Amino acid sequence: MDGNPTQAWYKAILPEFIYKSELSVLEAKAEEIITACFLRDVASAFAGEISYGQQKLLNMACCIANDAEILLLDEPIAGINPNYQEHILDLLKRLRGQGRTVLLIEHNTEFLQQVANSFFFLKSGKLNAYDTFAQLKNDREVLDAYLQA
């Protein structure tokens, strides 16, 4: 990551006290992200040891740590218990409030209604845009696609 003060070659040979303040800034940022992503209770666990929902939150935490302006999420709440669904919803709303763009594919319409501010429907290579969820759910092409399934 560009701008990471710990990547300089000389940090490998110098005592830590020389660049301790730079590390403190990074540690504070990490703590802030861990808390914001609801990962405090598993902060010292390995990624493979945490639940599927926590792993999805961890993926978003990594995006935040790398200052991603755009997040592409494929069914962020699929297979997630309701507790973590709420955490993911809260986090996505906060990210959107910070001006980040979140593009997601999701089949859970309740979740979509709560988090999205515009909607797209892709069928047979044709992309339709909708300003509201009501427009999406009342579109004949959308209804036909879901009623045929």
C-alpha atoms as a PDB file:
ATOM      1  CA  MET A   1       0.000   0.000   0.000  1.00  0.00           C
ATOM      2  CA  ASP A   2       1.464   3.361  -0.993  1.00  0.00           C
ATOM      3  CA  GLY A   3       2.090   5.673   1.908  1.00  0.00           C
ATOM      4  CA  ASN A   4       2.470   2.867   4.454  1.00  0.00           C
ATOM      5  CA  PRO A   5       5.239   4.126   6.751  1.00  0.00           C
ATOM      6  CA  THR A   6       6.281   0.586   7.719  1.00  0.00           C
ATOM      7  CA  GLN A   7       7.310  -0.339   4.156  1.00  0.00           C
ATOM      8  CA  ALA A   8      10.528   1.642   4.121  1.00  0.00           C
ATOM      9  CA  TRP A   9      13.564  -0.656   3.939  1.00  0.00           C
ATOM     10  CA  TYR A  10      15.340   1.005   6.829  1.00  0.00           C
ATOM     11  CA  LYS A  11      12.517   0.047   9.220  1.00  0.00           C
ATOM     12  CA  ALA A  12      13.815  -3.518   9.062  1.00  0.00           C
ATOM     13  CA  ILE A  13      17.143  -2.516  10.590  1.00  0.00           C
ATOM     14  CA  LEU A  14      16.278   0.391  12.886  1.00  0.00           C
ATOM     15  CA  PRO A  15      14.953  -0.005  16.410  1.00  0.00           C
ATOM     16  CA  GLU A  16      11.188   0.376  16.709  1.00  0.00           C
ATOM     17  CA  PHE A  17      11.359   3.437  18.985  1.00  0.00           C
ATOM     18  CA  ILE A  18      12.623   5.505  16.027  1.00  0.00           C
ATOM     19  CA  TYR A  19       9.370   5.080  14.087  1.00  0.00           C
ATOM     20  CA  LYS A  20       6.997   4.232  16.959  1.00  0.00           C
ATOM     21  CA  SER A  21       4.741   7.269  16.314  1.00  0.00           C
ATOM     22  CA  GLU A  22       4.125   6.124  12.726  1.00  0.00           C
ATOM     23  CA  LEU A  23       3.155   2.670  13.988  1.00  0.00           C
ATOM     24  CA  SER A  24       0.848   4.199  16.571  1.00  0.00           C
ATOM     25  CA  VAL A  25      -1.094   5.980  13.833  1.00  0.00           C
ATOM     26  CA  LEU A  26      -1.520   2.718  11.891  1.00  0.00           C
ATOM     27  CA  GLU A  27      -2.531   0.817  15.019  1.00  0.00           C
ATOM     28  CA  ALA A  28      -5.122   3.459  15.893  1.00  0.00           C
ATOM     29  CA  LYS A  29      -6.561   3.265  12.377  1.00  0.00           C
ATOM     30  CA  ALA A  30      -6.711  -0.545  12.608  1.00  0.00           C
ATOM     31  CA  GLU A  31      -8.519  -0.347  15.956  1.00  0.00           C
ATOM     32  CA  GLU A  32     -11.010   2.136  14.516  1.00  0.00           C
ATOM     33  CA  ILE A  33     -11.749  -0.145  11.547  1.00  0.00           C
ATOM     34  CA  ILE A  34     -12.053  -3.244  13.747  1.00  0.00           C
ATOM     35  CA  THR A  35     -14.610  -1.475  15.913  1.00  0.00           C
ATOM     36  CA  ALA A  36     -16.516   0.018  12.970  1.00  0.00           C
ATOM     37  CA  CYS A  37     -16.756  -3.419  11.344  1.00  0.00           C
ATOM     38  CA  PHE A  38     -18.054  -5.148  14.482  1.00  0.00           C
ATOM     39  CA  LEU A  39     -14.965  -7.351  14.757  1.00  0.00           C
ATOM     40  CA  ARG A  40     -13.793  -6.396  18.256  1.00  0.00           C
ATOM     41  CA  ASP A  41     -14.634  -9.805  19.770  1.00  0.00           C
ATOM     42  CA  VAL A  42     -12.577 -11.684  17.147  1.00  0.00           C
ATOM     43  CA  ALA A  43      -9.743  -9.196  16.629  1.00  0.00           C
ATOM     44  CA  SER A  44      -7.037 -11.668  17.653  1.00  0.00           C
ATOM     45  CA  ALA A  45      -8.486 -14.687  15.812  1.00  0.00           C
ATOM     46  CA  PHE A  46      -7.328 -16.025  12.464  1.00  0.00           C
ATOM     47  CA  ALA A  47      -9.658 -15.388   9.526  1.00  0.00           C
ATOM     48  CA  GLY A  48     -10.302 -19.119   9.126  1.00  0.00           C
ATOM     49  CA  GLU A  49     -11.464 -19.353  12.746  1.00  0.00           C
ATOM     50  CA  ILE A  50     -14.241 -16.778  12.562  1.00  0.00           C
ATOM     51  CA  SER A  51     -17.794 -17.239  11.314  1.00  0.00           C
ATOM     52  CA  TYR A  52     -18.845 -16.750   7.705  1.00  0.00           C
ATOM     53  CA  GLY A  53     -20.610 -13.498   8.605  1.00  0.00           C
ATOM     54  CA  GLN A  54     -17.530 -12.213  10.396  1.00  0.00           C
ATOM     55  CA  GLN A  55     -15.424 -13.145   7.361  1.00  0.00           C
ATOM     56  CA  LYS A  56     -17.679 -10.979   5.181  1.00  0.00           C
ATOM     57  CA  LEU A  57     -17.230  -8.111   7.658  1.00  0.00           C
ATOM     58  CA  LEU A  58     -13.477  -8.747   7.591  1.00  0.00           C
ATOM     59  CA  ASN A  59     -13.478  -8.470   3.793  1.00  0.00           C
ATOM     60  CA  MET A  60     -15.182  -5.089   4.066  1.00  0.00           C
ATOM     61  CA  ALA A  61     -12.705  -4.051   6.773  1.00  0.00           C
ATOM     62  CA  CYS A  62      -9.863  -4.832   4.348  1.00  0.00           C
ATOM     63  CA  CYS A  63     -11.501  -2.624   1.715  1.00  0.00           C
ATOM     64  CA  ILE A  64     -11.827   0.203   4.236  1.00  0.00           C
ATOM     65  CA  ALA A  65      -8.221  -0.206   5.378  1.00  0.00           C
ATOM     66  CA  ASN A  66      -7.087   0.148   1.769  1.00  0.00           C
ATOM     67  CA  ASP A  67      -9.262   3.253   1.271  1.00  0.00           C
ATOM     68  CA  ALA A  68     -11.363   1.622  -1.441  1.00  0.00           C
ATOM     69  CA  GLU A  69     -13.691   4.155  -3.004  1.00  0.00           C
ATOM     70  CA  ILE A  70     -15.763   1.472  -4.726  1.00  0.00           C
ATOM     71  CA  LEU A  71     -16.849  -1.812  -3.168  1.00  0.00           C
ATOM     72  CA  LEU A  72     -18.186  -4.602  -5.364  1.00  0.00           C
ATOM     73  CA  LEU A  73     -20.147  -7.084  -3.274  1.00  0.00           C
ATOM     74  CA  ASP A  74     -21.762 -10.306  -4.418  1.00  0.00           C
ATOM     75  CA  GLU A  75     -24.655 -11.200  -2.125  1.00  0.00           C
ATOM     76  CA  PRO A  76     -23.121  -9.764   1.041  1.00  0.00           C
ATOM     77  CA  ILE A  77     -25.767 -11.295   3.334  1.00  0.00           C
ATOM     78  CA  ALA A  78     -26.275 -14.691   1.668  1.00  0.00           C
ATOM     79  CA  GLY A  79     -25.995 -17.431   4.275  1.00  0.00           C
ATOM     80  CA  ILE A  80     -25.478 -14.937   7.092  1.00  0.00           C
ATOM     81  CA  ASN A  81     -27.358 -15.040  10.388  1.00  0.00           C
ATOM     82  CA  PRO A  82     -29.652 -12.047  10.994  1.00  0.00           C
ATOM     83  CA  ASN A  83     -27.319 -10.556  13.599  1.00  0.00           C
ATOM     84  CA  TYR A  84     -24.521 -10.126  11.083  1.00  0.00           C
ATOM     85  CA  GLN A  85     -26.960  -9.029   8.386  1.00  0.00           C
ATOM     86  CA  GLU A  86     -27.746  -6.006  10.566  1.00  0.00           C
ATOM     87  CA  HIS A  87     -24.030  -5.304  11.069  1.00  0.00           C
ATOM     88  CA  ILE A  88     -23.425  -5.476   7.322  1.00  0.00           C
ATOM     89  CA  LEU A  89     -26.420  -3.218   6.668  1.00  0.00           C
ATOM     90  CA  ASP A  90     -25.161  -0.652   9.194  1.00  0.00           C
ATOM     91  CA  LEU A  91     -21.656  -0.766   7.758  1.00  0.00           C
ATOM     92  CA  LEU A  92     -22.852  -0.334   4.165  1.00  0.00           C
ATOM     93  CA  LYS A  93     -24.996   2.640   5.150  1.00  0.00           C
ATOM     94  CA  ARG A  94     -22.002   4.252   6.869  1.00  0.00           C
ATOM     95  CA  LEU A  95     -19.766   3.636   3.864  1.00  0.00           C
ATOM     96  CA  ARG A  96     -22.344   5.192   1.570  1.00  0.00           C
ATOM     97  CA  GLY A  97     -22.594   8.149   3.967  1.00  0.00           C
ATOM     98  CA  GLN A  98     -18.821   8.616   3.608  1.00  0.00           C
ATOM     99  CA  GLY A  99     -19.243   8.995  -0.139  1.00  0.00           C
ATOM    100  CA  ARG A 100     -18.044   5.530  -1.088  1.00  0.00           C
ATOM    101  CA  THR A 101     -19.766   3.727  -3.923  1.00  0.00           C
ATOM    102  CA  VAL A 102     -21.178   0.297  -3.157  1.00  0.00           C
ATOM    103  CA  LEU A 103     -22.271  -1.910  -6.031  1.00  0.00           C
ATOM    104  CA  LEU A 104     -23.918  -5.096  -4.917  1.00  0.00           C
ATOM    105  CA  ILE A 105     -25.743  -8.088  -6.268  1.00  0.00           C
ATOM    106  CA  GLU A 106     -28.407  -9.202  -3.831  1.00  0.00           C
ATOM    107  CA  HIS A 107     -31.582 -11.264  -4.020  1.00  0.00           C
ATOM    108  CA  ASN A 108     -32.851 -10.353  -0.554  1.00  0.00           C
ATOM    109  CA  THR A 109     -35.355  -7.631  -1.419  1.00  0.00           C
ATOM    110  CA  GLU A 110     -35.825  -6.450   2.181  1.00  0.00           C
ATOM    111  CA  PHE A 111     -32.096  -5.827   2.432  1.00  0.00           C
ATOM    112  CA  LEU A 112     -32.067  -4.043  -0.932  1.00  0.00           C
ATOM    113  CA  GLN A 113     -34.832  -1.709   0.152  1.00  0.00           C
ATOM    114  CA  GLN A 114     -32.874  -0.722   3.240  1.00  0.00           C
ATOM    115  CA  VAL A 115     -29.464  -0.180   1.693  1.00  0.00           C
ATOM    116  CA  ALA A 116     -29.795   0.772  -1.980  1.00  0.00           C
ATOM    117  CA  ASN A 117     -30.598   4.152  -3.469  1.00  0.00           C
ATOM    118  CA  SER A 118     -30.819   2.979  -7.085  1.00  0.00           C
ATOM    119  CA  PHE A 119     -31.540  -0.362  -8.693  1.00  0.00           C
ATOM    120  CA  PHE A 120     -30.595  -2.234 -11.839  1.00  0.00           C
ATOM    121  CA  PHE A 121     -32.044  -5.385 -13.337  1.00  0.00           C
ATOM    122  CA  LEU A 122     -30.159  -7.422 -15.908  1.00  0.00           C
ATOM    123  CA  LYS A 123     -31.999  -9.883 -18.132  1.00  0.00           C
ATOM    124  CA  SER A 124     -30.820 -11.348 -21.416  1.00  0.00           C
ATOM    125  CA  GLY A 125     -28.035  -8.798 -21.724  1.00  0.00           C
ATOM    126  CA  LYS A 126     -30.388  -5.846 -21.225  1.00  0.00           C
ATOM    127  CA  LEU A 127     -29.798  -3.577 -18.229  1.00  0.00           C
ATOM    128  CA  ASN A 128     -32.728  -1.587 -16.854  1.00  0.00           C
ATOM    129  CA  ALA A 129     -32.290   1.180 -14.277  1.00  0.00           C
ATOM    130  CA  TYR A 130     -34.830   2.148 -11.594  1.00  0.00           C
ATOM    131  CA  ASP A 131     -34.812   5.123  -9.251  1.00  0.00           C
ATOM    132  CA  THR A 132     -36.881   3.390  -6.564  1.00  0.00           C
ATOM    133  CA  PHE A 133     -37.488  -0.106  -5.337  1.00  0.00           C
ATOM    134  CA  ALA A 134     -41.205   0.343  -6.073  1.00  0.00           C
ATOM    135  CA  GLN A 135     -40.397   0.905  -9.749  1.00  0.00           C
ATOM    136  CA  LEU A 136     -38.276  -2.232  -9.791  1.00  0.00           C
ATOM    137  CA  LYS A 137     -40.781  -4.504  -8.089  1.00  0.00           C
ATOM    138  CA  ASN A 138     -43.680  -3.281 -10.259  1.00  0.00           C
ATOM    139  CA  ASP A 139     -41.876  -3.657 -13.595  1.00  0.00           C
ATOM    140  CA  ARG A 140     -43.503  -6.345 -15.759  1.00  0.00           C
ATOM    141  CA  GLU A 141     -40.145  -7.650 -17.027  1.00  0.00           C
ATOM    142  CA  VAL A 142     -38.857  -8.100 -13.473  1.00  0.00           C
ATOM    143  CA  LEU A 143     -42.072  -9.785 -12.358  1.00  0.00           C
ATOM    144  CA  ASP A 144     -42.006 -12.131 -15.343  1.00  0.00           C
ATOM    145  CA  ALA A 145     -38.395 -13.102 -14.642  1.00  0.00           C
ATOM    146  CA  TYR A 146     -39.113 -13.948 -11.004  1.00  0.00           C
ATOM    147  CA  LEU A 147     -42.501 -15.561 -11.584  1.00  0.00           C
ATOM    148  CA  GLN A 148     -41.002 -17.934 -14.174  1.00  0.00           C
ATOM    149  CA  ALA A 149     -38.438 -19.255 -11.704  1.00  0.00           C
END
